[in-house]
Structures are given as C-alpha cells and as structure tokens.
Amino acid sequence: MSQLAELQQVFQRHVLRGDPAIVEAVNSTAAVPATTRLTVYSNAYRIRLAEALAANMPRLKDLLGDEQFGAIAAGYVDAHPSQFASIRWFGDRLAQSLEQSHPAQPWLAELAHWEWALAGSFDASDATPAGVECLASVAPGNWADLQLQFHPSVQYLELATNAQALFKALAEEQAPPQPAMLERPQAWLLWRQDLKTQYRSLEPAEAAAVRIMRDGGTFGAMCEALCEWHEGDEVPLVAAGMLKRWIVEEQLIRVSA
C-alpha cells in the first residue's frame, strides 16, 4: 500500500470513528491546533450526510421538526456510514433503524418507508411499457399460464399506520392528522408513469393479485385467489379488468405464457 493510500485510510478512520492516529500527520499551530482542523472535516462530513437524509426524507423531517430529526440523523450517520458513490442513496436503512429505535411510533418508520419507496420509483431504471395489443397475441389455451413482468418502478407497500395521510398533508403544507394505527393494514401500489410518480391504494383482492403476479405466479393462480372475494363466474372479467388497468397505467413491460 502506498504512503498516500495509508494516510487516506487513517484520515477516513478519524472522520468515521474519531481515530486520533491522523493527528500526527496534520500541521498544528497555537492558533489552529491539528484537532481543530480535523474537526472541521468530521463535522462537515456529518452535516452533509444529515442534509442528504433530510433531502431524501423531507416530510419525515417536517413531522419531527429540526431538532428531533437532527438527533435521529446524527445517530444514523454514526451507525450507518455512507456506502454509496451517490449521496442520493444515503438513507436506505433509515426505516429499519426507526423500527428499532422508535417502536412506540411506528408511523415514523412507515413514513420513511413511504418516502424512500416514492423516490425509488422515480429513480428506477427505464423500460418500455407493454401495450394493450400484447394481450391479442395470447392464445386462448395459454391464459392460465400467463405471467407478467412489472416495470422496475413498480413497488408494493403495506402500511399499518396513517403514514401516507401524514405524507400527503405535509406535502401539501397542511396540518397533518394525528399519527395513528389503522384498523387494518392498507396496501399501496407505487410506480412511475410519464416521468411522474404515481400511487394508489389497493382493495384486498387486487392486493392479493399484485402479490401473486409480482412473485412470478400465473394468471390462473391469480384467478383462483380472486375467488375469495368474487363469485367464480365473475372472476375472469375481474382479473381481465385488473390486467388491463395495469397495462394502461404502464405498470407492465412484458406479458408471456
């Protein structure tokens, strides 16, 4: 290892963990000691990452306020140093961290999940959506084995709290409702369409259908599952309606049997 590379590693250990070994390699004066010079870099590193976290989770910051969010950000920066070349992806484990640190306030973790999912849908890779005409190529005998490939931006979330309502109110600069648990978890579908992030809530039947098809299931398996909510003779039409809607909303990129 070169002397420069070794020096860089020692400096990194100081910034991340306060290792004092680098102090000897830094010029020091009575007016500006080496420790003061180094503190500038250590503080700048943490401040910049906290700012990135706020940029990635703006509504969570709004809900918590500057002081509480700042404390959470500081703890997260120390526990989870950035591992990405792009600062955009800093915060990927914040929701899980909040689940552990704030179990009595589950809406915080869910709001972080929601904001991270929205940003992920917007930044997902491009893919050409499938058109309705692709269904015409499916032979009648192949429908049961039909499988779908969803657009990279499509995400499925289940929220047990009113985190989405909190997000919506804060995004519209309105007073947020009181954070609360829902009577039952609510499923949501998020995706990107025409360079705009979209989302909508799902009824239980469609939520089950989405889970099956995103996990590699077949159209036949999806129809069987829908029998829990619909009469048998209604299921084909209901399933076909869901499939058409997913295509119109540009959530699918491939339909194959």
C-alpha atoms as a PDB file:
ATOM      1  CA  MET A   1       0.000   0.000   0.000  1.00  0.00           C
ATOM      2  CA  SER A   2       1.335   3.447  -0.899  1.00  0.00           C
ATOM      3  CA  GLN A   3       2.011   6.038   1.787  1.00  0.00           C
ATOM      4  CA  LEU A   4      -0.772   8.228   0.366  1.00  0.00           C
ATOM      5  CA  ALA A   5      -3.314   5.393   0.429  1.00  0.00           C
ATOM      6  CA  GLU A   6      -2.379   4.541   4.000  1.00  0.00           C
ATOM      7  CA  LEU A   7      -2.698   8.192   5.021  1.00  0.00           C
ATOM      8  CA  GLN A   8      -6.131   8.363   3.389  1.00  0.00           C
ATOM      9  CA  GLN A   9      -7.306   5.325   5.321  1.00  0.00           C
ATOM     10  CA  VAL A  10      -6.060   6.765   8.611  1.00  0.00           C
ATOM     11  CA  PHE A  11      -7.875  10.014   7.819  1.00  0.00           C
ATOM     12  CA  GLN A  12     -11.061   8.114   6.981  1.00  0.00           C
ATOM     13  CA  ARG A  13     -10.901   6.255  10.296  1.00  0.00           C
ATOM     14  CA  HIS A  14     -10.663   9.589  12.078  1.00  0.00           C
ATOM     15  CA  VAL A  15     -13.666  11.057  10.251  1.00  0.00           C
ATOM     16  CA  LEU A  16     -15.799   7.952  10.786  1.00  0.00           C
ATOM     17  CA  ARG A  17     -14.696   6.785  14.227  1.00  0.00           C
ATOM     18  CA  GLY A  18     -12.531   9.514  15.758  1.00  0.00           C
ATOM     19  CA  ASP A  19      -9.268   7.544  15.446  1.00  0.00           C
ATOM     20  CA  PRO A  20      -6.567  10.030  16.658  1.00  0.00           C
ATOM     21  CA  ALA A  21      -3.697   8.486  14.662  1.00  0.00           C
ATOM     22  CA  ILE A  22      -4.010  11.070  11.879  1.00  0.00           C
ATOM     23  CA  VAL A  23      -3.318  13.979  14.252  1.00  0.00           C
ATOM     24  CA  GLU A  24       0.446  13.474  13.987  1.00  0.00           C
ATOM     25  CA  ALA A  25       0.314  13.944  10.199  1.00  0.00           C
ATOM     26  CA  VAL A  26      -1.549  17.275  10.329  1.00  0.00           C
ATOM     27  CA  ASN A  27       0.116  20.668  10.701  1.00  0.00           C
ATOM     28  CA  SER A  28      -0.679  22.256  14.030  1.00  0.00           C
ATOM     29  CA  THR A  29      -0.279  25.801  15.296  1.00  0.00           C
ATOM     30  CA  ALA A  30      -1.077  27.516  18.562  1.00  0.00           C
ATOM     31  CA  ALA A  31      -3.880  29.433  16.856  1.00  0.00           C
ATOM     32  CA  VAL A  32      -5.339  26.439  14.994  1.00  0.00           C
ATOM     33  CA  PRO A  33      -4.407  23.066  16.529  1.00  0.00           C
ATOM     34  CA  ALA A  34      -4.498  19.928  14.384  1.00  0.00           C
ATOM     35  CA  THR A  35      -7.522  18.655  16.266  1.00  0.00           C
ATOM     36  CA  THR A  36      -9.456  21.802  15.358  1.00  0.00           C
ATOM     37  CA  ARG A  37      -8.543  21.432  11.692  1.00  0.00           C
ATOM     38  CA  LEU A  38      -9.675  17.811  11.710  1.00  0.00           C
ATOM     39  CA  THR A  39     -12.910  18.629  13.479  1.00  0.00           C
ATOM     40  CA  VAL A  40     -13.871  20.823  10.527  1.00  0.00           C
ATOM     41  CA  TYR A  41     -13.781  17.790   8.232  1.00  0.00           C
ATOM     42  CA  SER A  42     -15.526  15.479  10.687  1.00  0.00           C
ATOM     43  CA  ASN A  43     -18.334  17.956  11.266  1.00  0.00           C
ATOM     44  CA  ALA A  44     -18.670  18.746   7.551  1.00  0.00           C
ATOM     45  CA  TYR A  45     -19.000  15.040   6.759  1.00  0.00           C
ATOM     46  CA  ARG A  46     -21.828  14.586   9.250  1.00  0.00           C
ATOM     47  CA  ILE A  47     -23.600  17.811   8.338  1.00  0.00           C
ATOM     48  CA  ARG A  48     -23.561  16.959   4.624  1.00  0.00           C
ATOM     49  CA  LEU A  49     -24.969  13.468   5.227  1.00  0.00           C
ATOM     50  CA  ALA A  50     -27.653  14.844   7.558  1.00  0.00           C
ATOM     51  CA  GLU A  51     -28.612  17.299   4.810  1.00  0.00           C
ATOM     52  CA  ALA A  52     -28.803  14.443   2.310  1.00  0.00           C
ATOM     53  CA  LEU A  53     -31.021  12.496   4.683  1.00  0.00           C
ATOM     54  CA  ALA A  54     -33.332  15.491   5.011  1.00  0.00           C
ATOM     55  CA  ALA A  55     -33.441  15.843   1.215  1.00  0.00           C
ATOM     56  CA  ASN A  56     -34.404  12.183   0.848  1.00  0.00           C
ATOM     57  CA  MET A  57     -36.961  12.286   3.698  1.00  0.00           C
ATOM     58  CA  PRO A  58     -38.350  15.850   3.665  1.00  0.00           C
ATOM     59  CA  ARG A  59     -41.807  15.028   5.047  1.00  0.00           C
ATOM     60  CA  LEU A  60     -40.327  12.958   7.870  1.00  0.00           C
ATOM     61  CA  LYS A  61     -38.232  15.968   8.806  1.00  0.00           C
ATOM     62  CA  ASP A  62     -41.332  18.174   8.681  1.00  0.00           C
ATOM     63  CA  LEU A  63     -43.186  15.837  11.015  1.00  0.00           C
ATOM     64  CA  LEU A  64     -40.360  15.516  13.529  1.00  0.00           C
ATOM     65  CA  GLY A  65     -39.071  19.076  13.453  1.00  0.00           C
ATOM     66  CA  ASP A  66     -35.467  20.174  13.007  1.00  0.00           C
ATOM     67  CA  GLU A  67     -34.231  19.241  16.478  1.00  0.00           C
ATOM     68  CA  GLN A  68     -35.609  15.710  16.683  1.00  0.00           C
ATOM     69  CA  PHE A  69     -34.797  14.950  13.066  1.00  0.00           C
ATOM     70  CA  GLY A  70     -31.286  16.264  13.604  1.00  0.00           C
ATOM     71  CA  ALA A  71     -30.782  13.915  16.552  1.00  0.00           C
ATOM     72  CA  ILE A  72     -32.064  10.939  14.552  1.00  0.00           C
ATOM     73  CA  ALA A  73     -29.891  11.902  11.578  1.00  0.00           C
ATOM     74  CA  ALA A  74     -26.778  12.215  13.754  1.00  0.00           C
ATOM     75  CA  GLY A  75     -27.323   8.779  15.227  1.00  0.00           C
ATOM     76  CA  TYR A  76     -27.972   7.273  11.810  1.00  0.00           C
ATOM     77  CA  VAL A  77     -24.837   8.822  10.289  1.00  0.00           C
ATOM     78  CA  ASP A  78     -22.685   7.301  13.028  1.00  0.00           C
ATOM     79  CA  ALA A  79     -24.399   3.901  12.886  1.00  0.00           C
ATOM     80  CA  HIS A  80     -24.593   3.653   9.087  1.00  0.00           C
ATOM     81  CA  PRO A  81     -21.714   5.438   7.310  1.00  0.00           C
ATOM     82  CA  SER A  82     -22.422   6.101   3.646  1.00  0.00           C
ATOM     83  CA  GLN A  83     -21.554   3.161   1.385  1.00  0.00           C
ATOM     84  CA  PHE A  84     -22.684   4.639  -1.921  1.00  0.00           C
ATOM     85  CA  ALA A  85     -20.890   6.637  -4.589  1.00  0.00           C
ATOM     86  CA  SER A  86     -24.016   8.790  -4.925  1.00  0.00           C
ATOM     87  CA  ILE A  87     -25.334  10.580  -1.860  1.00  0.00           C
ATOM     88  CA  ARG A  88     -28.832  10.096  -3.302  1.00  0.00           C
ATOM     89  CA  TRP A  89     -28.946   6.586  -1.831  1.00  0.00           C
ATOM     90  CA  PHE A  90     -27.966   7.577   1.682  1.00  0.00           C
ATOM     91  CA  GLY A  91     -30.814   6.627   3.989  1.00  0.00           C
ATOM     92  CA  ASP A  92     -31.614   3.187   2.630  1.00  0.00           C
ATOM     93  CA  ARG A  93     -31.697   1.724   6.169  1.00  0.00           C
ATOM     94  CA  LEU A  94     -33.348   4.627   7.999  1.00  0.00           C
ATOM     95  CA  ALA A  95     -36.774   2.989   8.097  1.00  0.00           C
ATOM     96  CA  GLN A  96     -35.352  -0.182   9.637  1.00  0.00           C
ATOM     97  CA  SER A  97     -33.359   1.921  12.085  1.00  0.00           C
ATOM     98  CA  LEU A  98     -36.511   3.777  13.170  1.00  0.00           C
ATOM     99  CA  GLU A  99     -38.352   0.499  13.658  1.00  0.00           C
ATOM    100  CA  GLN A 100     -35.746  -0.410  16.263  1.00  0.00           C
ATOM    101  CA  SER A 101     -35.218   2.980  17.873  1.00  0.00           C
ATOM    102  CA  HIS A 102     -38.851   4.207  17.912  1.00  0.00           C
ATOM    103  CA  PRO A 103     -41.087   1.123  18.206  1.00  0.00           C
ATOM    104  CA  ALA A 104     -43.794   3.134  20.021  1.00  0.00           C
ATOM    105  CA  GLN A 105     -44.084   5.453  16.984  1.00  0.00           C
ATOM    106  CA  PRO A 106     -44.352   3.039  14.035  1.00  0.00           C
ATOM    107  CA  TRP A 107     -45.603   5.796  11.713  1.00  0.00           C
ATOM    108  CA  LEU A 108     -42.082   7.253  11.681  1.00  0.00           C
ATOM    109  CA  ALA A 109     -40.587   4.121  10.146  1.00  0.00           C
ATOM    110  CA  GLU A 110     -43.527   3.770   7.765  1.00  0.00           C
ATOM    111  CA  LEU A 111     -43.245   7.383   6.637  1.00  0.00           C
ATOM    112  CA  ALA A 112     -39.553   6.754   5.949  1.00  0.00           C
ATOM    113  CA  HIS A 113     -40.501   3.577   4.023  1.00  0.00           C
ATOM    114  CA  TRP A 114     -43.060   5.556   2.020  1.00  0.00           C
ATOM    115  CA  GLU A 115     -40.733   8.411   1.096  1.00  0.00           C
ATOM    116  CA  TRP A 116     -37.933   6.022   0.192  1.00  0.00           C
ATOM    117  CA  ALA A 117     -40.285   3.972  -1.999  1.00  0.00           C
ATOM    118  CA  LEU A 118     -41.581   7.066  -3.808  1.00  0.00           C
ATOM    119  CA  ALA A 119     -38.047   8.241  -4.541  1.00  0.00           C
ATOM    120  CA  GLY A 120     -37.108   4.722  -5.635  1.00  0.00           C
ATOM    121  CA  SER A 121     -39.993   4.590  -8.092  1.00  0.00           C
ATOM    122  CA  PHE A 122     -38.996   7.922  -9.579  1.00  0.00           C
ATOM    123  CA  ASP A 123     -35.333   6.912  -9.931  1.00  0.00           C
ATOM    124  CA  ALA A 124     -35.964   3.374 -11.177  1.00  0.00           C
ATOM    125  CA  SER A 125     -34.447   2.346 -14.496  1.00  0.00           C
ATOM    126  CA  ASP A 126     -36.378   2.926 -17.701  1.00  0.00           C
ATOM    127  CA  ALA A 127     -38.252   0.191 -19.551  1.00  0.00           C
ATOM    128  CA  THR A 128     -40.745   0.263 -22.405  1.00  0.00           C
ATOM    129  CA  PRO A 129     -44.289  -0.376 -21.125  1.00  0.00           C
ATOM    130  CA  ALA A 130     -46.332  -3.149 -22.712  1.00  0.00           C
ATOM    131  CA  GLY A 131     -49.354  -2.075 -24.751  1.00  0.00           C
ATOM    132  CA  VAL A 132     -52.870  -3.496 -24.636  1.00  0.00           C
ATOM    133  CA  GLU A 133     -52.231  -5.113 -28.023  1.00  0.00           C
ATOM    134  CA  CYS A 134     -49.904  -7.626 -26.363  1.00  0.00           C
ATOM    135  CA  LEU A 135     -52.953  -9.430 -24.982  1.00  0.00           C
ATOM    136  CA  ALA A 136     -54.155 -10.216 -28.505  1.00  0.00           C
ATOM    137  CA  SER A 137     -51.161 -12.490 -29.022  1.00  0.00           C
ATOM    138  CA  VAL A 138     -52.086 -14.738 -26.082  1.00  0.00           C
ATOM    139  CA  ALA A 139     -53.697 -17.953 -27.318  1.00  0.00           C
ATOM    140  CA  PRO A 140     -56.950 -18.896 -25.512  1.00  0.00           C
ATOM    141  CA  GLY A 141     -55.372 -22.052 -24.122  1.00  0.00           C
ATOM    142  CA  ASN A 142     -52.376 -20.169 -22.669  1.00  0.00           C
ATOM    143  CA  TRP A 143     -54.163 -17.697 -20.415  1.00  0.00           C
ATOM    144  CA  ALA A 144     -53.897 -19.863 -17.302  1.00  0.00           C
ATOM    145  CA  ASP A 145     -50.086 -19.917 -17.647  1.00  0.00           C
ATOM    146  CA  LEU A 146     -49.780 -16.203 -18.343  1.00  0.00           C
ATOM    147  CA  GLN A 147     -47.036 -14.431 -16.376  1.00  0.00           C
ATOM    148  CA  LEU A 148     -46.266 -10.746 -16.020  1.00  0.00           C
ATOM    149  CA  GLN A 149     -43.129  -8.679 -15.709  1.00  0.00           C
ATOM    150  CA  PHE A 150     -43.718  -5.409 -13.921  1.00  0.00           C
ATOM    151  CA  HIS A 151     -41.937  -2.155 -14.663  1.00  0.00           C
ATOM    152  CA  PRO A 152     -38.810  -1.608 -12.492  1.00  0.00           C
ATOM    153  CA  SER A 153     -40.527   1.377 -10.854  1.00  0.00           C
ATOM    154  CA  VAL A 154     -43.467  -0.657  -9.510  1.00  0.00           C
ATOM    155  CA  GLN A 155     -43.429  -1.131  -5.747  1.00  0.00           C
ATOM    156  CA  TYR A 156     -45.915  -2.691  -3.356  1.00  0.00           C
ATOM    157  CA  LEU A 157     -46.213  -1.464   0.232  1.00  0.00           C
ATOM    158  CA  GLU A 158     -48.456  -2.306   3.151  1.00  0.00           C
ATOM    159  CA  LEU A 159     -48.847   0.369   5.813  1.00  0.00           C
ATOM    160  CA  ALA A 160     -50.248  -0.325   9.260  1.00  0.00           C
ATOM    161  CA  THR A 161     -50.390   3.384  10.147  1.00  0.00           C
ATOM    162  CA  ASN A 162     -51.690   6.569   8.527  1.00  0.00           C
ATOM    163  CA  ALA A 163     -48.185   7.408   7.285  1.00  0.00           C
ATOM    164  CA  GLN A 164     -49.493   8.074   3.765  1.00  0.00           C
ATOM    165  CA  ALA A 165     -52.044  10.585   5.091  1.00  0.00           C
ATOM    166  CA  LEU A 166     -49.262  12.252   7.079  1.00  0.00           C
ATOM    167  CA  PHE A 167     -47.145  12.456   3.940  1.00  0.00           C
ATOM    168  CA  LYS A 168     -49.968  13.875   1.830  1.00  0.00           C
ATOM    169  CA  ALA A 169     -50.858  16.594   4.328  1.00  0.00           C
ATOM    170  CA  LEU A 170     -47.248  17.623   4.882  1.00  0.00           C
ATOM    171  CA  ALA A 171     -46.518  17.624   1.131  1.00  0.00           C
ATOM    172  CA  GLU A 172     -49.493  19.946   0.630  1.00  0.00           C
ATOM    173  CA  GLU A 173     -48.315  22.140   3.522  1.00  0.00           C
ATOM    174  CA  GLN A 174     -51.422  21.362   5.550  1.00  0.00           C
ATOM    175  CA  ALA A 175     -51.687  20.423   9.210  1.00  0.00           C
ATOM    176  CA  PRO A 176     -51.108  16.667   9.409  1.00  0.00           C
ATOM    177  CA  PRO A 177     -53.627  14.391  11.118  1.00  0.00           C
ATOM    178  CA  GLN A 178     -52.794  12.807  14.442  1.00  0.00           C
ATOM    179  CA  PRO A 179     -50.448   9.858  13.831  1.00  0.00           C
ATOM    180  CA  ALA A 180     -52.367   6.639  14.379  1.00  0.00           C
ATOM    181  CA  MET A 181     -52.578   2.930  13.684  1.00  0.00           C
ATOM    182  CA  LEU A 182     -55.093   1.801  11.062  1.00  0.00           C
ATOM    183  CA  GLU A 183     -57.823  -0.714  11.828  1.00  0.00           C
ATOM    184  CA  ARG A 184     -56.204  -2.995   9.260  1.00  0.00           C
ATOM    185  CA  PRO A 185     -53.077  -2.659   7.064  1.00  0.00           C
ATOM    186  CA  GLN A 186     -53.587  -0.796   3.798  1.00  0.00           C
ATOM    187  CA  ALA A 187     -51.856  -1.938   0.609  1.00  0.00           C
ATOM    188  CA  TRP A 188     -50.428   0.601  -1.822  1.00  0.00           C
ATOM    189  CA  LEU A 189     -49.030   0.415  -5.344  1.00  0.00           C
ATOM    190  CA  LEU A 190     -46.374   2.919  -6.419  1.00  0.00           C
ATOM    191  CA  TRP A 191     -44.892   3.377  -9.900  1.00  0.00           C
ATOM    192  CA  ARG A 192     -43.681   5.928 -12.435  1.00  0.00           C
ATOM    193  CA  GLN A 193     -45.739   6.955 -15.446  1.00  0.00           C
ATOM    194  CA  ASP A 194     -44.797   9.681 -17.932  1.00  0.00           C
ATOM    195  CA  LEU A 195     -41.914  10.815 -15.702  1.00  0.00           C
ATOM    196  CA  LYS A 196     -44.294  11.310 -12.784  1.00  0.00           C
ATOM    197  CA  THR A 197     -44.540   9.166  -9.672  1.00  0.00           C
ATOM    198  CA  GLN A 198     -47.983   7.674  -9.180  1.00  0.00           C
ATOM    199  CA  TYR A 199     -49.572   5.775  -6.320  1.00  0.00           C
ATOM    200  CA  ARG A 200     -52.962   4.411  -5.345  1.00  0.00           C
ATOM    201  CA  SER A 201     -54.444   2.301  -2.596  1.00  0.00           C
ATOM    202  CA  LEU A 202     -55.476  -1.291  -3.305  1.00  0.00           C
ATOM    203  CA  GLU A 203     -58.518  -3.256  -2.259  1.00  0.00           C
ATOM    204  CA  PRO A 204     -57.673  -6.649  -0.705  1.00  0.00           C
ATOM    205  CA  ALA A 205     -58.491  -8.569  -3.897  1.00  0.00           C
ATOM    206  CA  GLU A 206     -56.190  -6.520  -6.109  1.00  0.00           C
ATOM    207  CA  ALA A 207     -53.508  -6.521  -3.431  1.00  0.00           C
ATOM    208  CA  ALA A 208     -53.535 -10.326  -3.459  1.00  0.00           C
ATOM    209  CA  ALA A 209     -53.448 -10.350  -7.266  1.00  0.00           C
ATOM    210  CA  VAL A 210     -50.462  -7.996  -7.378  1.00  0.00           C
ATOM    211  CA  ARG A 211     -48.525 -10.071  -4.847  1.00  0.00           C
ATOM    212  CA  ILE A 212     -49.104 -13.267  -6.807  1.00  0.00           C
ATOM    213  CA  MET A 213     -48.142 -11.832 -10.185  1.00  0.00           C
ATOM    214  CA  ARG A 214     -45.103  -9.912  -8.904  1.00  0.00           C
ATOM    215  CA  ASP A 215     -43.845 -13.084  -7.224  1.00  0.00           C
ATOM    216  CA  GLY A 216     -43.877 -14.932 -10.547  1.00  0.00           C
ATOM    217  CA  GLY A 217     -47.302 -16.533 -10.213  1.00  0.00           C
ATOM    218  CA  THR A 218     -49.604 -17.299 -13.109  1.00  0.00           C
ATOM    219  CA  PHE A 219     -52.856 -15.731 -14.254  1.00  0.00           C
ATOM    220  CA  GLY A 220     -54.566 -18.991 -13.306  1.00  0.00           C
ATOM    221  CA  ALA A 221     -53.247 -18.767  -9.738  1.00  0.00           C
ATOM    222  CA  MET A 222     -54.378 -15.154  -9.587  1.00  0.00           C
ATOM    223  CA  CYS A 223     -57.907 -16.122 -10.679  1.00  0.00           C
ATOM    224  CA  GLU A 224     -58.055 -18.859  -8.050  1.00  0.00           C
ATOM    225  CA  ALA A 225     -57.072 -16.353  -5.365  1.00  0.00           C
ATOM    226  CA  LEU A 226     -59.726 -13.884  -6.525  1.00  0.00           C
ATOM    227  CA  CYS A 227     -62.427 -16.474  -5.809  1.00  0.00           C
ATOM    228  CA  GLU A 228     -62.065 -15.456  -2.152  1.00  0.00           C
ATOM    229  CA  TRP A 229     -63.694 -12.111  -2.973  1.00  0.00           C
ATOM    230  CA  HIS A 230     -65.732 -12.780  -6.125  1.00  0.00           C
ATOM    231  CA  GLU A 231     -68.097 -15.405  -7.482  1.00  0.00           C
ATOM    232  CA  GLY A 232     -66.472 -17.886  -9.835  1.00  0.00           C
ATOM    233  CA  ASP A 233     -68.269 -16.661 -12.939  1.00  0.00           C
ATOM    234  CA  GLU A 234     -67.214 -13.070 -12.174  1.00  0.00           C
ATOM    235  CA  VAL A 235     -63.525 -13.797 -11.681  1.00  0.00           C
ATOM    236  CA  PRO A 236     -62.356 -13.881 -15.347  1.00  0.00           C
ATOM    237  CA  LEU A 237     -63.846 -10.450 -16.025  1.00  0.00           C
ATOM    238  CA  VAL A 238     -62.460  -9.001 -12.776  1.00  0.00           C
ATOM    239  CA  ALA A 239     -58.997 -10.435 -13.447  1.00  0.00           C
ATOM    240  CA  ALA A 240     -59.009  -9.179 -17.034  1.00  0.00           C
ATOM    241  CA  GLY A 241     -60.010  -5.725 -15.769  1.00  0.00           C
ATOM    242  CA  MET A 242     -57.071  -5.646 -13.356  1.00  0.00           C
ATOM    243  CA  LEU A 243     -54.684  -6.743 -16.090  1.00  0.00           C
ATOM    244  CA  LYS A 244     -55.945  -4.071 -18.467  1.00  0.00           C
ATOM    245  CA  ARG A 245     -55.635  -1.387 -15.791  1.00  0.00           C
ATOM    246  CA  TRP A 246     -52.035  -2.353 -15.025  1.00  0.00           C
ATOM    247  CA  ILE A 247     -51.227  -2.073 -18.729  1.00  0.00           C
ATOM    248  CA  VAL A 248     -53.000   1.274 -19.151  1.00  0.00           C
ATOM    249  CA  GLU A 249     -51.170   2.609 -16.096  1.00  0.00           C
ATOM    250  CA  GLU A 250     -47.883   1.474 -17.706  1.00  0.00           C
ATOM    251  CA  GLN A 251     -47.010  -0.862 -14.880  1.00  0.00           C
ATOM    252  CA  LEU A 252     -46.194  -3.853 -17.097  1.00  0.00           C
ATOM    253  CA  ILE A 253     -43.350  -4.350 -19.549  1.00  0.00           C
ATOM    254  CA  ARG A 254     -43.952  -7.962 -20.546  1.00  0.00           C
ATOM    255  CA  VAL A 255     -46.838 -10.426 -20.800  1.00  0.00           C
ATOM    256  CA  SER A 256     -45.860 -14.001 -21.603  1.00  0.00           C
ATOM    257  CA  ALA A 257     -47.223 -17.544 -21.408  1.00  0.00           C
END
